[in-house]
Amino acid sequence: MKTLLTRLVADRQGATAIEYGLIAAFVALAIVATLPSIRNNLNSVFGKVNTELAKGASGK
């Protein structure tokens, strides 16, 4: 039993997996936090394009 506990304490693969999981969680959090501003900017750009296309289609 003591050798099993010693091996578990010495095993670093679990710690590495947890670190990668934390990094992925922080990246996902950053992406989710920036999505509303990106969405608003895209809506503005496509709204302007739509307005200009409507003007061009009507001949004004």
Protein backbone atom coordinates (compact mmCIF):
# COMPACT_ATOMS: atom_id res chain seq x y z
CA MET A 1 0.00 0.00 0.00
CA LYS A 2 2.86 2.34 0.83
CA THR A 3 4.41 1.83 -2.61
CA LEU A 4 1.09 2.64 -4.26
CA LEU A 5 0.81 5.91 -2.34
CA THR A 6 4.43 6.75 -3.14
CA ARG A 7 3.79 6.16 -6.85
CA LEU A 8 0.65 8.29 -6.78
CA VAL A 9 2.47 11.19 -5.11
CA ALA A 10 5.37 10.93 -7.60
CA ASP A 11 3.06 10.75 -10.66
CA ARG A 12 2.96 14.20 -12.32
CA GLN A 13 0.71 13.35 -15.29
CA GLY A 14 -2.46 14.13 -13.34
CA ALA A 15 -1.11 17.54 -12.36
CA THR A 16 -0.27 18.30 -15.98
CA ALA A 17 -3.77 17.33 -17.11
CA ILE A 18 -5.30 19.58 -14.46
CA GLU A 19 -3.07 22.48 -15.56
CA TYR A 20 -4.10 22.04 -19.19
CA GLY A 21 -7.73 21.89 -18.10
CA LEU A 22 -7.36 25.16 -16.18
CA ILE A 23 -5.70 26.84 -19.17
CA ALA A 24 -8.53 25.67 -21.45
CA ALA A 25 -11.10 26.96 -18.96
CA PHE A 26 -9.45 30.40 -18.81
CA VAL A 27 -9.26 30.60 -22.61
CA ALA A 28 -12.93 29.66 -22.88
CA LEU A 29 -13.81 32.28 -20.27
CA ALA A 30 -11.91 34.95 -22.21
CA ILE A 31 -13.70 33.99 -25.44
CA VAL A 32 -17.11 34.11 -23.77
CA ALA A 33 -16.30 37.49 -22.22
CA THR A 34 -15.39 39.04 -25.59
CA LEU A 35 -18.25 37.58 -27.64
CA PRO A 36 -20.83 40.30 -26.87
CA SER A 37 -18.56 43.10 -28.12
CA ILE A 38 -17.65 41.13 -31.24
CA ARG A 39 -21.34 40.46 -31.91
CA ASN A 40 -22.21 44.14 -31.54
CA ASN A 41 -19.41 45.19 -33.89
CA LEU A 42 -20.47 42.64 -36.50
CA ASN A 43 -24.10 43.72 -36.26
CA SER A 44 -23.03 47.32 -36.85
CA VAL A 45 -20.88 46.47 -39.87
CA PHE A 46 -23.50 44.24 -41.49
CA GLY A 47 -26.20 46.82 -40.77
CA LYS A 48 -24.18 49.45 -42.66
CA VAL A 49 -23.61 47.03 -45.55
CA ASN A 50 -27.32 46.25 -45.67
CA THR A 51 -28.17 49.97 -45.74
CA GLU A 52 -25.75 50.64 -48.59
CA LEU A 53 -26.99 47.66 -50.57
CA ALA A 54 -30.59 48.79 -50.13
CA LYS A 55 -29.62 52.28 -51.37
CA GLY A 56 -27.89 50.76 -54.39
CA ALA A 57 -30.83 48.52 -55.21
CA SER A 58 -33.29 51.42 -55.05
CA GLY A 59 -31.16 53.59 -57.36
CA LYS A 60 -30.59 56.47 -54.93
